[in-house]
Amino acid sequence: EALMIARQSEIPGFVEFYGYESRELQLHIRMVDSDTFQAFSSADQYRKPEKLMTYKRVEQFNKSHYKDQLESAEESGMIY
């Protein structure tokens, strides 16, 4: 958890959130539509499109269609 302050980002169309106690902690976000937002973790990454993160709204958590393919830590050998 972190207390953050919002301001207009130097990246056009984005809002910057930065840490109240640490300005190095930052996130630049913009809404694409009502279900999608995009984010960069720093203004420096703006010039690297592969660093752009896109998030979609989900209706329910832990309802992945991959659930049947997942192994427990014991099944995968992580716990002996």
N, C-alpha and C. Protein backbone atom coordinates (compact mmCIF):
# COMPACT_ATOMS: atom_id res chain seq x y z
N GLU A 1 0.83 -1.17 0.00
CA GLU A 1 0.00 0.00 0.00
C GLU A 1 0.87 1.23 0.00
N ALA A 2 0.37 2.26 -0.66
CA ALA A 2 1.12 3.51 -0.71
C ALA A 2 0.15 4.67 -0.87
N LEU A 3 0.44 5.76 -0.20
CA LEU A 3 -0.31 6.99 -0.37
C LEU A 3 0.26 7.67 -1.60
N MET A 4 -0.61 7.98 -2.58
CA MET A 4 -0.13 8.56 -3.83
C MET A 4 -0.87 9.85 -4.15
N ILE A 5 -0.23 10.68 -4.94
CA ILE A 5 -0.78 11.96 -5.38
C ILE A 5 -0.96 11.89 -6.89
N ALA A 6 -2.06 12.43 -7.40
CA ALA A 6 -2.32 12.44 -8.84
C ALA A 6 -2.06 13.83 -9.41
N ARG A 7 -1.54 13.85 -10.63
CA ARG A 7 -1.36 15.10 -11.36
C ARG A 7 -1.34 14.78 -12.86
N GLN A 8 -1.41 15.82 -13.68
CA GLN A 8 -1.33 15.63 -15.13
C GLN A 8 0.04 15.09 -15.49
N SER A 9 0.07 13.99 -16.22
CA SER A 9 1.33 13.39 -16.63
C SER A 9 1.97 14.17 -17.76
N GLU A 10 3.28 14.06 -17.87
CA GLU A 10 3.97 14.65 -19.02
C GLU A 10 3.69 13.84 -20.28
N ILE A 11 3.16 12.64 -20.14
CA ILE A 11 2.77 11.81 -21.28
C ILE A 11 1.36 12.24 -21.70
N PRO A 12 1.17 12.70 -22.93
CA PRO A 12 -0.14 13.18 -23.35
C PRO A 12 -1.25 12.14 -23.15
N GLY A 13 -2.34 12.57 -22.52
CA GLY A 13 -3.49 11.70 -22.31
C GLY A 13 -3.43 10.84 -21.06
N PHE A 14 -2.34 10.91 -20.31
CA PHE A 14 -2.18 10.09 -19.11
C PHE A 14 -2.26 10.94 -17.85
N VAL A 15 -2.60 10.30 -16.74
CA VAL A 15 -2.56 10.90 -15.41
C VAL A 15 -1.43 10.20 -14.66
N GLU A 16 -0.64 10.95 -13.95
CA GLU A 16 0.48 10.38 -13.18
C GLU A 16 0.09 10.27 -11.71
N PHE A 17 0.35 9.11 -11.13
CA PHE A 17 0.25 8.92 -9.70
C PHE A 17 1.67 8.73 -9.19
N TYR A 18 2.04 9.44 -8.16
CA TYR A 18 3.38 9.27 -7.61
C TYR A 18 3.30 9.18 -6.09
N GLY A 19 4.27 8.50 -5.52
CA GLY A 19 4.28 8.25 -4.09
C GLY A 19 4.42 9.52 -3.28
N TYR A 20 3.62 9.63 -2.22
CA TYR A 20 3.67 10.79 -1.33
C TYR A 20 5.02 10.89 -0.64
N GLU A 21 5.57 9.75 -0.26
CA GLU A 21 6.86 9.74 0.44
C GLU A 21 8.03 9.43 -0.49
N SER A 22 7.74 8.93 -1.67
CA SER A 22 8.81 8.57 -2.61
C SER A 22 8.36 8.87 -4.03
N ARG A 23 8.91 9.90 -4.63
CA ARG A 23 8.52 10.28 -5.99
C ARG A 23 8.96 9.25 -7.02
N GLU A 24 9.88 8.35 -6.64
CA GLU A 24 10.30 7.30 -7.57
C GLU A 24 9.18 6.29 -7.83
N LEU A 25 8.28 6.16 -6.87
CA LEU A 25 7.12 5.29 -7.03
C LEU A 25 6.10 6.04 -7.87
N GLN A 26 5.89 5.60 -9.12
CA GLN A 26 4.98 6.31 -10.00
C GLN A 26 4.25 5.36 -10.93
N LEU A 27 3.11 5.81 -11.41
CA LEU A 27 2.30 5.06 -12.36
C LEU A 27 1.57 6.07 -13.23
N HIS A 28 1.66 5.91 -14.53
CA HIS A 28 0.98 6.79 -15.49
C HIS A 28 -0.12 5.95 -16.13
N ILE A 29 -1.39 6.41 -16.00
CA ILE A 29 -2.49 5.62 -16.54
C ILE A 29 -3.41 6.48 -17.40
N ARG A 30 -4.13 5.79 -18.30
CA ARG A 30 -5.20 6.43 -19.07
C ARG A 30 -6.28 5.40 -19.32
N MET A 31 -7.50 5.88 -19.36
CA MET A 31 -8.64 5.02 -19.67
C MET A 31 -8.77 4.92 -21.18
N VAL A 32 -8.89 3.69 -21.68
CA VAL A 32 -9.10 3.46 -23.11
C VAL A 32 -10.59 3.45 -23.39
N ASP A 33 -11.33 2.71 -22.58
CA ASP A 33 -12.78 2.69 -22.62
C ASP A 33 -13.27 2.34 -21.22
N SER A 34 -14.54 2.08 -21.04
CA SER A 34 -15.07 1.86 -19.69
C SER A 34 -14.58 0.56 -19.06
N ASP A 35 -14.00 -0.34 -19.84
CA ASP A 35 -13.52 -1.62 -19.32
C ASP A 35 -12.01 -1.81 -19.42
N THR A 36 -11.30 -0.84 -19.96
CA THR A 36 -9.87 -1.02 -20.24
C THR A 36 -9.07 0.22 -19.85
N PHE A 37 -7.91 -0.02 -19.21
CA PHE A 37 -6.99 1.09 -19.01
C PHE A 37 -5.59 0.64 -19.35
N GLN A 38 -4.75 1.61 -19.69
CA GLN A 38 -3.35 1.35 -20.02
C GLN A 38 -2.47 2.08 -19.03
N ALA A 39 -1.27 1.53 -18.80
CA ALA A 39 -0.38 2.12 -17.81
C ALA A 39 1.08 1.93 -18.17
N PHE A 40 1.88 2.89 -17.76
CA PHE A 40 3.33 2.81 -17.77
C PHE A 40 3.77 2.97 -16.32
N SER A 41 4.83 2.27 -15.93
CA SER A 41 5.28 2.43 -14.54
C SER A 41 6.23 3.61 -14.38
N SER A 42 6.68 4.20 -15.48
CA SER A 42 7.48 5.42 -15.37
C SER A 42 7.41 6.19 -16.68
N ALA A 43 7.66 7.49 -16.63
CA ALA A 43 7.62 8.33 -17.82
C ALA A 43 8.70 7.91 -18.82
N ASP A 44 9.81 7.37 -18.33
CA ASP A 44 10.88 6.92 -19.22
C ASP A 44 10.44 5.77 -20.13
N GLN A 45 9.50 4.95 -19.65
CA GLN A 45 9.05 3.80 -20.43
C GLN A 45 8.11 4.19 -21.55
N TYR A 46 7.64 5.42 -21.57
CA TYR A 46 6.72 5.89 -22.59
C TYR A 46 7.30 5.72 -23.99
N ARG A 47 8.58 5.83 -24.11
CA ARG A 47 9.24 5.72 -25.41
C ARG A 47 9.45 4.26 -25.83
N LYS A 48 9.07 3.33 -24.97
CA LYS A 48 9.21 1.90 -25.25
C LYS A 48 7.82 1.26 -25.25
N PRO A 49 7.15 1.21 -26.39
CA PRO A 49 5.78 0.71 -26.43
C PRO A 49 5.59 -0.71 -25.87
N GLU A 50 6.64 -1.51 -25.89
CA GLU A 50 6.52 -2.87 -25.34
C GLU A 50 6.35 -2.86 -23.82
N LYS A 51 6.62 -1.71 -23.18
CA LYS A 51 6.46 -1.58 -21.73
C LYS A 51 5.04 -1.15 -21.34
N LEU A 52 4.21 -0.82 -22.33
CA LEU A 52 2.83 -0.42 -22.05
C LEU A 52 2.05 -1.63 -21.54
N MET A 53 1.40 -1.45 -20.39
CA MET A 53 0.58 -2.52 -19.80
C MET A 53 -0.88 -2.18 -20.05
N THR A 54 -1.66 -3.15 -20.51
CA THR A 54 -3.08 -2.96 -20.75
C THR A 54 -3.86 -3.90 -19.85
N TYR A 55 -4.87 -3.36 -19.19
CA TYR A 55 -5.67 -4.14 -18.24
C TYR A 55 -7.14 -4.07 -18.63
N LYS A 56 -7.81 -5.20 -18.53
CA LYS A 56 -9.25 -5.28 -18.78
C LYS A 56 -9.97 -5.56 -17.47
N ARG A 57 -11.16 -5.02 -17.33
CA ARG A 57 -11.98 -5.29 -16.15
C ARG A 57 -12.45 -6.74 -16.20
N VAL A 58 -12.46 -7.38 -15.06
CA VAL A 58 -12.96 -8.74 -14.96
C VAL A 58 -14.20 -8.75 -14.07
N GLU A 59 -15.11 -9.64 -14.37
CA GLU A 59 -16.34 -9.74 -13.57
C GLU A 59 -16.10 -10.49 -12.28
N GLN A 60 -15.31 -11.57 -12.36
CA GLN A 60 -15.03 -12.38 -11.18
C GLN A 60 -13.57 -12.78 -11.20
N PHE A 61 -12.94 -12.77 -10.02
CA PHE A 61 -11.57 -13.21 -9.91
C PHE A 61 -11.53 -14.72 -9.73
N ASN A 62 -10.40 -15.30 -10.03
CA ASN A 62 -10.16 -16.74 -9.85
C ASN A 62 -11.12 -17.61 -10.65
N LYS A 63 -11.57 -17.14 -11.79
CA LYS A 63 -12.44 -17.92 -12.67
C LYS A 63 -11.72 -18.17 -14.00
N SER A 64 -10.44 -18.44 -13.94
CA SER A 64 -9.64 -18.63 -15.13
C SER A 64 -9.96 -19.97 -15.79
N HIS A 65 -9.93 -19.98 -17.12
CA HIS A 65 -10.11 -21.24 -17.84
C HIS A 65 -8.85 -22.09 -17.78
N TYR A 66 -7.78 -21.56 -17.20
CA TYR A 66 -6.54 -22.32 -17.01
C TYR A 66 -6.53 -23.07 -15.69
N LYS A 67 -7.54 -22.87 -14.87
CA LYS A 67 -7.55 -23.44 -13.53
C LYS A 67 -7.31 -24.94 -13.52
N ASP A 68 -7.90 -25.66 -14.46
CA ASP A 68 -7.74 -27.11 -14.51
C ASP A 68 -6.31 -27.52 -14.86
N GLN A 69 -5.53 -26.62 -15.46
CA GLN A 69 -4.17 -26.93 -15.86
C GLN A 69 -3.14 -26.61 -14.78
N LEU A 70 -3.56 -25.89 -13.74
CA LEU A 70 -2.64 -25.49 -12.68
C LEU A 70 -2.37 -26.64 -11.72
N GLU A 71 -1.15 -26.69 -11.23
CA GLU A 71 -0.76 -27.69 -10.24
C GLU A 71 -0.52 -26.99 -8.91
N SER A 72 -0.76 -27.69 -7.84
CA SER A 72 -0.44 -27.14 -6.53
C SER A 72 1.08 -27.13 -6.38
N ALA A 73 1.57 -26.43 -5.37
CA ALA A 73 3.01 -26.39 -5.11
C ALA A 73 3.54 -27.79 -4.85
N GLU A 74 2.76 -28.62 -4.15
CA GLU A 74 3.17 -29.99 -3.87
C GLU A 74 3.22 -30.83 -5.14
N GLU A 75 2.20 -30.68 -6.00
CA GLU A 75 2.16 -31.42 -7.27
C GLU A 75 3.29 -31.04 -8.21
N SER A 76 3.71 -29.78 -8.18
CA SER A 76 4.76 -29.33 -9.09
C SER A 76 6.16 -29.64 -8.56
N GLY A 77 6.25 -30.14 -7.32
CA GLY A 77 7.55 -30.48 -6.77
C GLY A 77 8.20 -29.35 -6.00
N MET A 78 7.49 -28.23 -5.82
CA MET A 78 8.06 -27.10 -5.09
C MET A 78 8.14 -27.39 -3.59
N ILE A 79 7.22 -28.22 -3.09
CA ILE A 79 7.21 -28.60 -1.68
C ILE A 79 7.54 -30.08 -1.62
N TYR A 80 8.47 -30.42 -0.76
CA TYR A 80 8.91 -31.83 -0.65
C TYR A 80 8.36 -32.47 0.59
